[in-house]
Amino acid sequence: MPILSPRRSARRASAMALATALATALATALVLTPGAAPATASAPATAFHVLRPSAHPVELRSRPRPLAVSYTYGGERRTLDDFLARTGTNGFVVLDAKDGQDIVAERYTDATRATRFQSWSVAKSFTSAAVGVAVGEGRIRSIDEPVTAYLPELAGSGYDGVSIRDLLRMSSGIRWTEGRDVPRVQAAANRGASLRRIAARQERGREPGSRFEYASMNSFVLAWLVTAATGVPYERYVESRIWRPAGMASTARVDADGRGDSRGYCCYHATDRDFARFGLLYLRGGRAGGRQVVPASWVAESTRPSSAANPRYGLHWWLGGDGGRDFMAAGFGGQYVYVSPEHQVVIVRSARSTARPDQDEAVAAFRAAAAEVARTRHP
C-alpha cells in the first residue's frame, strides 16, 4: 500500500506546478555562512534567518559497512544504488541508532557533507515540532482551540474558527489548490510580500475537518501561531527549543517573507547530517542530549493517523501505512527524512533537482535499506 494520501494525483500535480515558482527560488543546494545572502542576476536575494548550532552537538560516528539493498516495486526487482542514481540523488545518509549513532552509509554527488540542502516541505515537520513544544510549555492551551484565539488578525477570513488541529492535519477547509496557489505564494514571498496579508485573504471552501487538502498556507499560519503564542519569533523559538537542544552541529538558514516572518511551510537549508539528527530526535521520542526536547506525547500523536480523511497523514508528518510504524518528513523534489522505529534507523535523501521521484518507490527502497541495516548488525 502506498504512503500517499487518497489525493495522490493532486499532490503529484502540485509538485509539477510548483516547479514553475522555483525558478525564482533557491532550487540548488547552498553552502551558507551567517549573514551571507546569495544573489544572482536572475534571482533576487531571499530574506532569511540563521539558526545557530548547538554548543554540544550530537555525535554521529562514521561506521560504514556494506549494504546490499534490493526491493520489489511495480513487479520488478530493483536496487537501492539504481534508485539513488536514477532519481538524481545528491545527498544520502543512513543512520543506525540501535546501539549508538552510527552513520553506516553516506554519499554525495556534486555536493559535500557541508552542503546545505533545501528542505522544501520537510520544514513542515519542524513547524509541527515547534507547535508541540509550545503546547508542552503551556503557551498553546490546546490544539482544539480555534487559531483565531491567538491570531485575531484572521477573523473574518477562511481561517476564522478553524482549529489548530485541523491546520496540522491539513483539513483547514480554506479554498486552496496546492499546485496553483503555492507557486504564487512562494513567488510573492520571494518578491517581499507579507504572508500574513496573504493568509488573511484566504476564503472558506468547505467545512473544516471534513476533507484532507494539502495546503502550505496552513503551515505558515502555524508558524505565525508559534510567534504569537510564545512572544518569540518562530525561527528564534525553533533555534532555542529545537535546533540547539537537539544537538545540531551546523548553522542552518530559514527563509522568510518581506516582513521577516519565517515561511514555516518550506525552506530550511541544512546539512543532511543535521536532518538526520532531527529524525533521530523523533526516533528517540523527542529526547536528545539527556533531555526531553519535544514532548514524547507530541511525537507519538503527530506520527500516527490524525484523521479518517487521510489515514497516512499525522500532524505534519507522512505515515508509512500497511500497519507499520514508520513515518517521514517529505518535501518537493524528493527531500526525505525517513524514520523506522522497527529497525531503529533514520534515512535522509536530498536532491537539487526539482524532479520528484515516486514517493511510493522511495518508501519501498527506504524500508528495504532499514531492514538491511538491521540484518547486518553485529550480534
Protein backbone atom coordinates (compact mmCIF):
# COMPACT_ATOMS: atom_id res chain seq x y z
CA MET A 1 0.00 0.00 0.00
CA PRO A 2 1.36 3.47 -0.80
CA ILE A 3 2.27 6.12 1.70
CA LEU A 4 0.48 8.77 -0.32
CA SER A 5 -2.93 10.11 0.56
CA PRO A 6 -6.11 9.39 -1.35
CA ARG A 7 -5.34 12.67 -3.12
CA ARG A 8 -2.14 11.24 -4.56
CA SER A 9 -2.66 12.52 -8.09
CA ALA A 10 -3.37 16.02 -6.79
CA ARG A 11 -0.11 16.07 -4.86
CA ARG A 12 1.84 14.98 -7.91
CA ALA A 13 0.19 17.69 -9.96
CA SER A 14 1.06 20.14 -7.20
CA ALA A 15 4.69 19.08 -7.37
CA MET A 16 4.83 19.68 -11.10
CA ALA A 17 3.19 23.09 -10.81
CA LEU A 18 5.48 24.13 -8.00
CA ALA A 19 8.46 23.81 -10.32
CA THR A 20 7.27 26.95 -12.11
CA ALA A 21 7.84 29.02 -8.97
CA LEU A 22 11.21 27.52 -8.18
CA ALA A 23 12.93 29.40 -10.96
CA THR A 24 12.84 32.43 -8.68
CA ALA A 25 13.67 30.43 -5.55
CA LEU A 26 16.88 28.73 -4.49
CA ALA A 27 16.45 25.35 -6.08
CA THR A 28 20.09 24.37 -5.77
CA ALA A 29 21.90 23.23 -2.66
CA LEU A 30 23.71 26.05 -0.88
CA VAL A 31 26.67 26.31 1.43
CA LEU A 32 25.84 29.33 3.57
CA THR A 33 27.57 31.44 6.15
CA PRO A 34 25.70 33.64 8.62
CA GLY A 35 24.79 36.98 7.09
CA ALA A 36 25.72 35.98 3.55
CA ALA A 37 22.68 36.00 1.29
CA PRO A 38 23.46 34.69 -2.17
CA ALA A 39 22.05 36.62 -5.10
CA THR A 40 22.30 36.29 -8.85
CA ALA A 41 21.41 38.49 -11.79
CA SER A 42 18.31 36.39 -12.42
CA ALA A 43 17.09 35.87 -8.85
CA PRO A 44 16.96 38.43 -6.03
CA ALA A 45 18.44 37.67 -2.63
CA THR A 46 15.87 35.94 -0.42
CA ALA A 47 15.31 37.18 3.13
CA PHE A 48 16.35 34.59 5.67
CA HIS A 49 17.27 33.88 9.28
CA VAL A 50 20.21 31.83 10.53
CA LEU A 51 19.82 29.08 13.15
CA ARG A 52 22.95 28.75 15.26
CA PRO A 53 24.25 25.28 16.10
CA SER A 54 24.42 23.58 19.46
CA ALA A 55 27.44 24.05 21.69
CA HIS A 56 27.23 20.31 22.30
CA PRO A 57 26.28 18.64 19.02
CA VAL A 58 25.03 15.08 18.97
CA GLU A 59 27.93 12.96 17.78
CA LEU A 60 27.35 10.87 14.66
CA ARG A 61 30.12 8.34 14.14
CA SER A 62 31.19 7.26 10.68
CA ARG A 63 30.97 3.45 10.69
CA PRO A 64 30.39 2.50 7.04
CA ARG A 65 29.53 -1.08 6.17
CA PRO A 66 28.39 -2.82 3.00
CA LEU A 67 24.64 -2.77 2.48
CA ALA A 68 23.21 -4.96 -0.29
CA VAL A 69 19.75 -3.44 -0.65
CA SER A 70 17.17 -4.69 -3.11
CA TYR A 71 13.40 -4.39 -3.16
CA THR A 72 10.41 -5.17 -5.34
CA TYR A 73 8.41 -2.34 -6.84
CA GLY A 74 5.99 -2.38 -9.74
CA GLY A 75 6.60 -6.08 -10.17
CA GLU A 76 10.34 -5.52 -10.73
CA ARG A 77 13.34 -6.32 -8.57
CA ARG A 78 15.36 -3.14 -8.07
CA THR A 79 18.39 -1.99 -6.10
CA LEU A 80 18.98 0.98 -3.84
CA ASP A 81 22.02 2.01 -5.90
CA ASP A 82 19.87 2.15 -9.02
CA PHE A 83 17.17 4.15 -7.21
CA LEU A 84 19.65 6.76 -5.98
CA ALA A 85 21.29 7.13 -9.40
CA ARG A 86 18.04 7.14 -11.36
CA THR A 87 16.41 9.78 -9.15
CA GLY A 88 19.34 12.20 -9.20
CA THR A 89 20.15 11.93 -5.50
CA ASN A 90 22.75 14.44 -4.31
CA GLY A 91 22.89 13.54 -0.64
CA PHE A 92 22.14 10.27 1.15
CA VAL A 93 22.70 9.33 4.80
CA VAL A 94 21.77 6.16 6.67
CA LEU A 95 21.95 6.30 10.47
CA ASP A 96 21.89 3.16 12.61
CA ALA A 97 20.64 4.18 16.05
CA LYS A 98 20.17 0.74 17.60
CA ASP A 99 23.24 0.77 19.85
CA GLY A 100 24.63 4.20 19.18
CA GLN A 101 24.59 6.82 16.47
CA ASP A 102 26.47 5.29 13.57
CA ILE A 103 26.47 6.59 10.00
CA VAL A 104 26.63 3.30 8.11
CA ALA A 105 26.18 4.79 4.64
CA GLU A 106 26.82 8.29 3.35
CA ARG A 107 27.31 9.53 -0.18
CA TYR A 108 27.25 12.85 -2.03
CA THR A 109 27.12 13.70 -5.72
CA ASP A 110 28.07 17.26 -6.71
CA ALA A 111 27.80 18.08 -3.01
CA THR A 112 29.68 17.52 0.24
CA ARG A 113 28.92 16.81 3.87
CA ALA A 114 28.90 20.61 4.40
CA THR A 115 26.26 21.31 1.73
CA ARG A 116 23.07 22.91 2.98
CA PHE A 117 20.23 21.28 1.09
CA GLN A 118 16.89 22.99 0.56
CA SER A 119 14.30 21.12 2.61
CA TRP A 120 11.14 22.29 0.88
CA SER A 121 8.20 20.77 2.80
CA VAL A 122 10.38 18.80 5.22
CA ALA A 123 10.16 22.15 7.04
CA LYS A 124 6.52 21.41 7.87
CA SER A 125 7.62 18.73 10.33
CA PHE A 126 9.88 21.23 12.10
CA THR A 127 6.88 23.54 12.36
CA SER A 128 4.85 20.72 13.87
CA ALA A 129 7.61 20.15 16.43
CA ALA A 130 7.57 23.85 17.36
CA VAL A 131 3.81 23.71 17.91
CA GLY A 132 4.27 20.62 20.09
CA VAL A 133 6.90 22.33 22.24
CA ALA A 134 4.64 25.37 22.65
CA VAL A 135 1.81 23.06 23.75
CA GLY A 136 4.15 21.36 26.22
CA GLU A 137 5.13 24.72 27.67
CA GLY A 138 1.50 25.77 28.03
CA ARG A 139 1.91 28.61 25.52
CA ILE A 140 -0.76 26.93 23.38
CA ARG A 141 -3.50 25.64 25.64
CA SER A 142 -4.98 23.05 23.27
CA ILE A 143 -4.76 22.26 19.57
CA ASP A 144 -8.54 22.00 19.57
CA GLU A 145 -8.78 25.75 20.13
CA PRO A 146 -9.50 27.96 17.12
CA VAL A 147 -6.40 29.54 15.66
CA THR A 148 -8.14 32.92 15.83
CA ALA A 149 -7.89 32.74 19.64
CA TYR A 150 -4.21 33.51 19.08
CA LEU A 151 -4.37 35.26 15.70
CA PRO A 152 -7.35 37.66 15.77
CA GLU A 153 -5.97 39.12 12.55
CA LEU A 154 -7.52 36.11 10.79
CA ALA A 155 -11.07 36.84 11.99
CA GLY A 156 -13.39 37.04 9.00
CA SER A 157 -11.01 35.06 6.78
CA GLY A 158 -11.25 31.43 5.73
CA TYR A 159 -9.29 30.59 8.88
CA ASP A 160 -11.86 32.12 11.23
CA GLY A 161 -12.76 29.46 13.81
CA VAL A 162 -10.53 26.76 12.28
CA SER A 163 -8.90 24.61 14.95
CA ILE A 164 -5.15 24.28 15.27
CA ARG A 165 -5.65 20.54 14.90
CA ASP A 166 -7.29 20.98 11.50
CA LEU A 167 -4.31 23.07 10.37
CA LEU A 168 -1.92 20.34 11.49
CA ARG A 169 -3.82 17.56 9.74
CA MET A 170 -4.34 19.61 6.56
CA SER A 171 -8.09 19.91 6.92
CA SER A 172 -8.50 23.67 7.36
CA GLY A 173 -11.21 23.96 4.73
CA ILE A 174 -9.75 27.01 3.01
CA ARG A 175 -10.28 27.32 -0.74
CA TRP A 176 -6.86 26.19 -1.92
CA THR A 177 -5.26 24.19 -4.72
CA GLU A 178 -1.64 23.48 -3.85
CA GLY A 179 -0.41 23.18 -7.41
CA ARG A 180 -1.90 26.53 -8.37
CA ASP A 181 -1.59 28.53 -5.18
CA VAL A 182 1.72 27.66 -3.55
CA PRO A 183 3.82 28.72 -6.57
CA ARG A 184 2.11 32.11 -6.46
CA VAL A 185 2.64 32.43 -2.71
CA GLN A 186 6.28 31.36 -2.97
CA ALA A 187 6.95 33.84 -5.75
CA ALA A 188 5.22 36.61 -3.80
CA ALA A 189 7.27 35.88 -0.69
CA ASN A 190 10.44 35.93 -2.79
CA ARG A 191 9.44 39.38 -4.05
CA GLY A 192 8.98 40.65 -0.48
CA ALA A 193 5.23 40.27 0.07
CA SER A 194 3.76 39.69 3.53
CA LEU A 195 2.48 36.15 4.06
CA ARG A 196 0.30 37.42 6.92
CA ARG A 197 -1.65 39.54 4.49
CA ILE A 198 -1.97 36.67 2.05
CA ALA A 199 -3.22 34.36 4.84
CA ALA A 200 -5.83 36.93 5.90
CA ARG A 201 -7.20 36.97 2.33
CA GLN A 202 -7.89 33.24 2.22
CA GLU A 203 -11.53 32.19 1.86
CA ARG A 204 -13.53 29.26 3.21
CA GLY A 205 -14.02 26.49 0.69
CA ARG A 206 -15.52 23.68 2.78
CA GLU A 207 -16.26 22.67 6.34
CA PRO A 208 -13.03 22.47 8.40
CA GLY A 209 -12.11 18.89 9.25
CA SER A 210 -14.29 17.41 6.52
CA ARG A 211 -11.58 16.66 3.97
CA PHE A 212 -7.82 16.32 3.59
CA GLU A 213 -6.50 19.12 1.41
CA TYR A 214 -2.74 19.70 1.44
CA ALA A 215 -2.25 23.47 1.79
CA SER A 216 1.12 25.02 2.52
CA MET A 217 -0.57 28.18 3.77
CA ASN A 218 -1.75 26.17 6.79
CA SER A 219 1.89 25.67 7.78
CA PHE A 220 2.68 29.37 7.53
CA VAL A 221 -0.29 30.09 9.79
CA LEU A 222 1.10 27.57 12.29
CA ALA A 223 4.50 29.28 12.23
CA TRP A 224 2.77 32.62 12.80
CA LEU A 225 0.80 31.00 15.63
CA VAL A 226 4.05 29.93 17.32
CA THR A 227 5.29 33.52 17.18
CA ALA A 228 2.04 34.93 18.57
CA ALA A 229 1.57 32.32 21.30
CA THR A 230 5.14 32.38 22.60
CA GLY A 231 6.07 36.00 22.02
CA VAL A 232 9.25 34.75 20.34
CA PRO A 233 9.81 34.87 16.56
CA TYR A 234 9.31 31.42 15.05
CA GLU A 235 12.93 30.99 13.93
CA ARG A 236 14.34 32.02 17.33
CA TYR A 237 11.90 29.67 19.04
CA VAL A 238 12.97 26.79 16.77
CA GLU A 239 16.62 27.63 17.41
CA SER A 240 16.31 27.81 21.20
CA ARG A 241 13.81 24.98 21.72
CA ILE A 242 14.65 22.51 18.94
CA TRP A 243 17.72 23.18 16.79
CA ARG A 244 20.26 23.73 19.56
CA PRO A 245 18.77 21.39 22.23
CA ALA A 246 18.55 18.59 19.63
CA GLY A 247 22.31 18.87 19.12
CA MET A 248 22.52 20.22 15.58
CA ALA A 249 26.14 20.63 14.53
CA SER A 250 25.90 23.33 11.83
CA THR A 251 24.16 26.58 11.08
CA ALA A 252 21.01 26.44 9.01
CA ARG A 253 19.10 29.00 7.03
CA VAL A 254 15.33 29.52 7.27
CA ASP A 255 13.80 31.63 4.50
CA ALA A 256 11.45 34.49 5.34
CA ASP A 257 8.99 36.80 3.62
CA GLY A 258 9.24 40.55 3.13
CA ARG A 259 8.37 41.43 6.72
CA GLY A 260 10.78 38.88 8.15
CA ASP A 261 8.28 36.15 9.01
CA SER A 262 9.68 32.64 8.54
CA ARG A 263 7.65 30.73 6.00
CA GLY A 264 7.03 27.62 8.08
CA TYR A 265 5.88 25.58 5.10
CA CYS A 266 9.29 25.29 3.45
CA CYS A 267 12.84 26.39 3.06
CA TYR A 268 15.17 25.15 5.75
CA HIS A 269 18.68 24.92 4.27
CA ALA A 270 20.67 22.43 6.35
CA THR A 271 23.16 19.60 6.10
CA ASP A 272 21.98 16.05 5.67
CA ARG A 273 23.61 15.11 8.95
CA ASP A 274 21.53 17.71 10.79
CA PHE A 275 18.39 16.49 9.04
CA ALA A 276 19.39 13.03 10.30
CA ARG A 277 19.70 14.44 13.82
CA PHE A 278 16.13 15.71 13.51
CA GLY A 279 14.97 12.24 12.51
CA LEU A 280 16.96 10.80 15.42
CA LEU A 281 15.19 13.20 17.79
CA TYR A 282 11.83 11.78 16.74
CA LEU A 283 13.09 8.20 16.68
CA ARG A 284 14.01 8.63 20.34
CA GLY A 285 10.65 10.01 21.34
CA GLY A 286 11.73 13.65 21.36
CA ARG A 287 14.84 13.16 23.52
CA ALA A 288 18.37 14.36 22.78
CA GLY A 289 21.41 15.01 24.93
CA GLY A 290 19.75 13.56 28.01
CA ARG A 291 16.76 15.92 27.93
CA GLN A 292 13.22 15.93 26.59
CA VAL A 293 13.28 18.39 23.70
CA VAL A 294 9.88 17.68 22.14
CA PRO A 295 7.19 16.17 24.42
CA ALA A 296 7.04 12.40 23.95
CA SER A 297 3.25 12.59 23.80
CA TRP A 298 3.50 15.05 20.90
CA VAL A 299 5.92 12.83 18.98
CA ALA A 300 3.52 9.91 19.39
CA GLU A 301 0.42 11.90 18.43
CA SER A 302 1.97 13.59 15.42
CA THR A 303 3.28 10.33 13.91
CA ARG A 304 0.05 8.36 13.94
CA PRO A 305 -3.09 8.80 11.79
CA SER A 306 -4.75 12.10 12.59
CA SER A 307 -7.96 11.73 10.62
CA ALA A 308 -10.04 9.20 8.73
CA ALA A 309 -9.86 11.64 5.82
CA ASN A 310 -6.27 10.53 5.26
CA PRO A 311 -5.01 7.70 7.48
CA ARG A 312 -1.48 8.13 6.09
CA TYR A 313 -1.03 11.63 7.44
CA GLY A 314 -0.32 12.61 11.02
CA LEU A 315 0.23 16.13 12.28
CA HIS A 316 2.51 17.43 9.51
CA TRP A 317 4.22 14.03 9.16
CA TRP A 318 3.61 11.38 6.48
CA LEU A 319 2.99 7.80 7.65
CA GLY A 320 4.14 4.53 6.14
CA GLY A 321 0.87 2.64 6.37
CA ASP A 322 0.43 -1.13 5.96
CA GLY A 323 0.30 -1.44 9.74
CA GLY A 324 3.90 -0.22 10.02
CA ARG A 325 5.13 2.39 12.45
CA ASP A 326 7.49 4.18 10.06
CA PHE A 327 6.99 7.85 9.23
CA MET A 328 8.71 10.61 7.32
CA ALA A 329 9.06 14.27 6.62
CA ALA A 330 8.79 14.79 2.87
CA GLY A 331 9.50 17.70 0.58
CA PHE A 332 9.28 18.74 -3.05
CA GLY A 333 11.93 17.20 -5.30
CA GLY A 334 12.23 14.10 -3.13
CA GLN A 335 13.64 15.51 0.09
CA TYR A 336 13.05 12.92 2.80
CA VAL A 337 13.75 12.32 6.48
CA TYR A 338 12.59 8.74 6.96
CA VAL A 339 12.31 7.13 10.41
CA SER A 340 11.95 3.40 11.09
CA PRO A 341 11.18 2.71 14.76
CA GLU A 342 11.03 -1.02 13.96
CA HIS A 343 14.65 -1.13 12.82
CA GLN A 344 15.96 1.93 14.71
CA VAL A 345 17.13 3.58 11.50
CA VAL A 346 16.98 7.11 10.10
CA ILE A 347 17.46 7.77 6.37
CA VAL A 348 17.92 11.17 4.72
CA ARG A 349 17.72 11.70 0.99
CA SER A 350 18.30 15.13 -0.59
CA ALA A 351 18.41 16.41 -4.15
CA ARG A 352 18.94 19.66 -6.01
CA SER A 353 16.63 18.61 -8.81
CA THR A 354 13.02 19.73 -8.89
CA ALA A 355 12.02 16.35 -10.38
CA ARG A 356 10.03 14.34 -7.89
CA PRO A 357 10.78 10.63 -7.53
CA ASP A 358 7.91 8.24 -6.98
CA GLN A 359 7.25 8.53 -3.26
CA ASP A 360 5.82 5.02 -3.11
CA GLU A 361 9.08 3.66 -4.50
CA ALA A 362 11.11 5.81 -2.13
CA VAL A 363 9.33 4.24 0.83
CA ALA A 364 9.90 0.75 -0.56
CA ALA A 365 13.60 1.49 -1.00
CA PHE A 366 13.95 3.03 2.47
CA ARG A 367 12.14 0.14 4.14
CA ALA A 368 14.47 -2.32 2.43
CA ALA A 369 17.51 -0.27 3.43
CA ALA A 370 16.38 -0.12 7.06
CA ALA A 371 15.82 -3.88 7.13
CA GLU A 372 19.30 -4.44 5.66
CA VAL A 373 20.87 -2.23 8.33
CA ALA A 374 19.19 -4.34 10.99
CA ARG A 375 20.24 -7.60 9.27
CA THR A 376 23.90 -6.62 9.06
CA ARG A 377 24.35 -5.55 12.68
CA HIS A 378 26.99 -7.45 14.62
CA PRO A 379 25.43 -9.82 17.15
